[in-house]
Amino acid sequence: MADVSREATRTLDAREIDGEPFGDIMAALDDLPVEGTLELVNSFEPEPLYDVLDDRGFDHETERVADDEFHVYITPAE
């Protein structure tokens, strides 16, 4: 799993995306360096995304920052 103290290579705030953010998330992951970390910021825990990440070879760790703010740290699986 990702180390939440690790500095993110890239941050994507899904709260700022108009409409469905899935395409933006997948594009950000496609551009992620092998040793990189994507920090996804969302207003809810994106549980449906976890299976997609697993299927695509990514690990994730979620941190609840506030009642309406979650940070998901996504890294390529080792």
N, C-alpha and C. Protein backbone atom coordinates (compact mmCIF):
# COMPACT_ATOMS: atom_id res chain seq x y z
N MET A 1 0.83 -1.19 0.00
CA MET A 1 0.00 0.00 0.00
C MET A 1 0.87 1.25 0.00
N ALA A 2 0.26 2.33 -0.41
CA ALA A 2 0.97 3.61 -0.45
C ALA A 2 1.27 4.09 0.96
N ASP A 3 2.30 4.86 1.08
CA ASP A 3 2.64 5.48 2.35
C ASP A 3 2.04 6.89 2.32
N VAL A 4 1.05 7.16 3.15
CA VAL A 4 0.35 8.44 3.08
C VAL A 4 1.24 9.63 3.43
N SER A 5 2.40 9.38 4.02
CA SER A 5 3.31 10.48 4.30
C SER A 5 4.14 10.84 3.06
N ARG A 6 4.07 10.02 2.03
CA ARG A 6 4.82 10.23 0.80
C ARG A 6 4.27 11.43 0.04
N GLU A 7 5.16 12.19 -0.54
CA GLU A 7 4.73 13.35 -1.34
C GLU A 7 4.15 12.86 -2.66
N ALA A 8 3.01 13.39 -3.03
CA ALA A 8 2.35 12.98 -4.26
C ALA A 8 3.10 13.53 -5.47
N THR A 9 3.21 12.70 -6.50
CA THR A 9 3.78 13.15 -7.76
C THR A 9 2.79 14.07 -8.46
N ARG A 10 1.51 13.74 -8.30
CA ARG A 10 0.45 14.52 -8.94
C ARG A 10 -0.78 14.49 -8.04
N THR A 11 -1.51 15.60 -8.01
CA THR A 11 -2.75 15.67 -7.23
C THR A 11 -3.89 15.97 -8.19
N LEU A 12 -4.98 15.24 -8.05
CA LEU A 12 -6.18 15.46 -8.85
C LEU A 12 -7.34 15.66 -7.87
N ASP A 13 -7.95 16.83 -7.92
CA ASP A 13 -9.08 17.14 -7.05
C ASP A 13 -10.36 16.90 -7.84
N ALA A 14 -11.00 15.76 -7.58
CA ALA A 14 -12.21 15.38 -8.32
C ALA A 14 -13.36 16.33 -8.03
N ARG A 15 -13.28 17.06 -6.95
CA ARG A 15 -14.35 18.01 -6.62
C ARG A 15 -14.40 19.16 -7.60
N GLU A 16 -13.31 19.40 -8.33
CA GLU A 16 -13.24 20.51 -9.28
C GLU A 16 -13.62 20.10 -10.71
N ILE A 17 -13.96 18.84 -10.90
CA ILE A 17 -14.27 18.32 -12.24
C ILE A 17 -15.77 18.37 -12.46
N ASP A 18 -16.19 18.98 -13.57
CA ASP A 18 -17.61 18.99 -13.93
C ASP A 18 -17.97 17.64 -14.50
N GLY A 19 -18.98 17.01 -13.96
CA GLY A 19 -19.41 15.71 -14.47
C GLY A 19 -18.63 14.57 -13.84
N GLU A 20 -18.68 13.43 -14.52
CA GLU A 20 -18.06 12.19 -14.04
C GLU A 20 -16.53 12.29 -14.13
N PRO A 21 -15.81 12.10 -13.01
CA PRO A 21 -14.35 12.25 -13.01
C PRO A 21 -13.57 11.01 -13.45
N PHE A 22 -14.26 9.90 -13.75
CA PHE A 22 -13.56 8.64 -14.02
C PHE A 22 -12.53 8.78 -15.14
N GLY A 23 -12.88 9.41 -16.24
CA GLY A 23 -11.94 9.58 -17.36
C GLY A 23 -10.72 10.38 -16.97
N ASP A 24 -10.92 11.40 -16.19
CA ASP A 24 -9.79 12.22 -15.73
C ASP A 24 -8.87 11.42 -14.80
N ILE A 25 -9.47 10.59 -13.96
CA ILE A 25 -8.68 9.76 -13.05
C ILE A 25 -7.84 8.76 -13.84
N MET A 26 -8.47 8.10 -14.82
CA MET A 26 -7.75 7.11 -15.63
C MET A 26 -6.63 7.77 -16.45
N ALA A 27 -6.88 8.96 -16.97
CA ALA A 27 -5.85 9.69 -17.73
C ALA A 27 -4.68 10.05 -16.82
N ALA A 28 -4.98 10.48 -15.60
CA ALA A 28 -3.91 10.82 -14.65
C ALA A 28 -3.09 9.59 -14.31
N LEU A 29 -3.74 8.44 -14.17
CA LEU A 29 -3.01 7.20 -13.87
C LEU A 29 -2.16 6.75 -15.06
N ASP A 30 -2.66 6.96 -16.28
CA ASP A 30 -1.88 6.60 -17.47
C ASP A 30 -0.60 7.41 -17.55
N ASP A 31 -0.62 8.65 -17.05
CA ASP A 31 0.55 9.54 -17.09
C ASP A 31 1.43 9.43 -15.85
N LEU A 32 1.05 8.58 -14.91
CA LEU A 32 1.79 8.48 -13.65
C LEU A 32 3.12 7.76 -13.85
N PRO A 33 4.23 8.36 -13.38
CA PRO A 33 5.51 7.67 -13.47
C PRO A 33 5.48 6.36 -12.67
N VAL A 34 6.36 5.44 -13.01
CA VAL A 34 6.41 4.12 -12.37
C VAL A 34 6.54 4.24 -10.85
N GLU A 35 7.31 5.18 -10.39
CA GLU A 35 7.52 5.35 -8.94
C GLU A 35 6.63 6.45 -8.37
N GLY A 36 5.65 6.91 -9.16
CA GLY A 36 4.83 8.05 -8.76
C GLY A 36 3.65 7.69 -7.88
N THR A 37 3.07 8.73 -7.31
CA THR A 37 1.88 8.61 -6.48
C THR A 37 0.87 9.65 -6.95
N LEU A 38 -0.35 9.20 -7.20
CA LEU A 38 -1.45 10.11 -7.51
C LEU A 38 -2.25 10.30 -6.23
N GLU A 39 -2.40 11.55 -5.83
CA GLU A 39 -3.26 11.87 -4.69
C GLU A 39 -4.59 12.32 -5.26
N LEU A 40 -5.62 11.52 -5.07
CA LEU A 40 -6.96 11.84 -5.52
C LEU A 40 -7.73 12.42 -4.35
N VAL A 41 -8.26 13.63 -4.53
CA VAL A 41 -9.04 14.29 -3.49
C VAL A 41 -10.51 14.20 -3.92
N ASN A 42 -11.36 13.75 -3.01
CA ASN A 42 -12.76 13.55 -3.35
C ASN A 42 -13.63 13.92 -2.15
N SER A 43 -14.90 14.19 -2.41
CA SER A 43 -15.83 14.56 -1.34
C SER A 43 -16.46 13.35 -0.67
N PHE A 44 -16.20 12.15 -1.20
CA PHE A 44 -16.69 10.91 -0.61
C PHE A 44 -15.66 9.83 -0.86
N GLU A 45 -15.75 8.73 -0.13
CA GLU A 45 -14.82 7.62 -0.36
C GLU A 45 -15.22 6.91 -1.65
N PRO A 46 -14.34 6.90 -2.65
CA PRO A 46 -14.69 6.35 -3.96
C PRO A 46 -14.55 4.82 -4.02
N GLU A 47 -15.33 4.12 -3.21
CA GLU A 47 -15.20 2.67 -3.10
C GLU A 47 -15.32 1.94 -4.44
N PRO A 48 -16.21 2.35 -5.36
CA PRO A 48 -16.28 1.63 -6.65
C PRO A 48 -14.97 1.69 -7.45
N LEU A 49 -14.16 2.71 -7.19
CA LEU A 49 -12.90 2.86 -7.91
C LEU A 49 -11.88 1.80 -7.48
N TYR A 50 -11.98 1.29 -6.28
CA TYR A 50 -10.95 0.38 -5.75
C TYR A 50 -10.79 -0.88 -6.59
N ASP A 51 -11.88 -1.48 -7.04
CA ASP A 51 -11.78 -2.69 -7.88
C ASP A 51 -11.11 -2.37 -9.21
N VAL A 52 -11.43 -1.20 -9.77
CA VAL A 52 -10.81 -0.79 -11.03
C VAL A 52 -9.31 -0.62 -10.84
N LEU A 53 -8.91 -0.01 -9.74
CA LEU A 53 -7.49 0.18 -9.45
C LEU A 53 -6.79 -1.17 -9.32
N ASP A 54 -7.41 -2.09 -8.58
CA ASP A 54 -6.83 -3.42 -8.42
C ASP A 54 -6.68 -4.10 -9.78
N ASP A 55 -7.70 -4.03 -10.61
CA ASP A 55 -7.67 -4.67 -11.94
C ASP A 55 -6.60 -4.07 -12.84
N ARG A 56 -6.30 -2.79 -12.63
CA ARG A 56 -5.31 -2.10 -13.48
C ARG A 56 -3.91 -2.12 -12.88
N GLY A 57 -3.73 -2.79 -11.75
CA GLY A 57 -2.40 -2.95 -11.18
C GLY A 57 -1.95 -1.80 -10.30
N PHE A 58 -2.88 -1.21 -9.57
CA PHE A 58 -2.54 -0.12 -8.66
C PHE A 58 -2.92 -0.48 -7.23
N ASP A 59 -2.11 0.00 -6.29
CA ASP A 59 -2.42 -0.08 -4.87
C ASP A 59 -3.00 1.27 -4.45
N HIS A 60 -3.73 1.28 -3.35
CA HIS A 60 -4.31 2.53 -2.88
C HIS A 60 -4.42 2.51 -1.37
N GLU A 61 -4.38 3.70 -0.81
CA GLU A 61 -4.61 3.88 0.62
C GLU A 61 -5.43 5.15 0.77
N THR A 62 -6.48 5.06 1.57
CA THR A 62 -7.40 6.19 1.71
C THR A 62 -7.29 6.80 3.09
N GLU A 63 -7.28 8.12 3.10
CA GLU A 63 -7.21 8.88 4.35
C GLU A 63 -8.43 9.81 4.40
N ARG A 64 -9.21 9.70 5.46
CA ARG A 64 -10.36 10.61 5.64
C ARG A 64 -9.85 11.85 6.35
N VAL A 65 -9.92 12.98 5.66
CA VAL A 65 -9.40 14.24 6.18
C VAL A 65 -10.50 15.00 6.93
N ALA A 66 -11.73 14.90 6.43
CA ALA A 66 -12.90 15.54 7.04
C ALA A 66 -14.11 14.71 6.66
N ASP A 67 -15.28 15.07 7.19
CA ASP A 67 -16.48 14.32 6.88
C ASP A 67 -16.75 14.26 5.38
N ASP A 68 -16.37 15.32 4.67
CA ASP A 68 -16.64 15.40 3.24
C ASP A 68 -15.36 15.55 2.40
N GLU A 69 -14.24 15.02 2.92
CA GLU A 69 -12.99 15.09 2.17
C GLU A 69 -12.15 13.84 2.42
N PHE A 70 -11.87 13.15 1.32
CA PHE A 70 -11.07 11.93 1.34
C PHE A 70 -9.89 12.11 0.40
N HIS A 71 -8.73 11.63 0.82
CA HIS A 71 -7.53 11.63 -0.03
C HIS A 71 -7.17 10.16 -0.27
N VAL A 72 -7.10 9.81 -1.54
CA VAL A 72 -6.73 8.44 -1.92
C VAL A 72 -5.36 8.52 -2.56
N TYR A 73 -4.39 7.83 -1.99
CA TYR A 73 -3.03 7.79 -2.51
C TYR A 73 -2.90 6.53 -3.36
N ILE A 74 -2.62 6.71 -4.64
CA ILE A 74 -2.61 5.61 -5.60
C ILE A 74 -1.20 5.45 -6.14
N THR A 75 -0.69 4.22 -6.07
CA THR A 75 0.65 3.91 -6.57
C THR A 75 0.59 2.64 -7.42
N PRO A 76 1.51 2.51 -8.39
CA PRO A 76 1.58 1.25 -9.11
C PRO A 76 1.90 0.11 -8.14
N ALA A 77 1.23 -1.03 -8.31
CA ALA A 77 1.48 -2.18 -7.45
C ALA A 77 2.89 -2.67 -7.67
N GLU A 78 3.49 -3.14 -6.60
CA GLU A 78 4.88 -3.64 -6.71
C GLU A 78 4.89 -5.11 -7.01
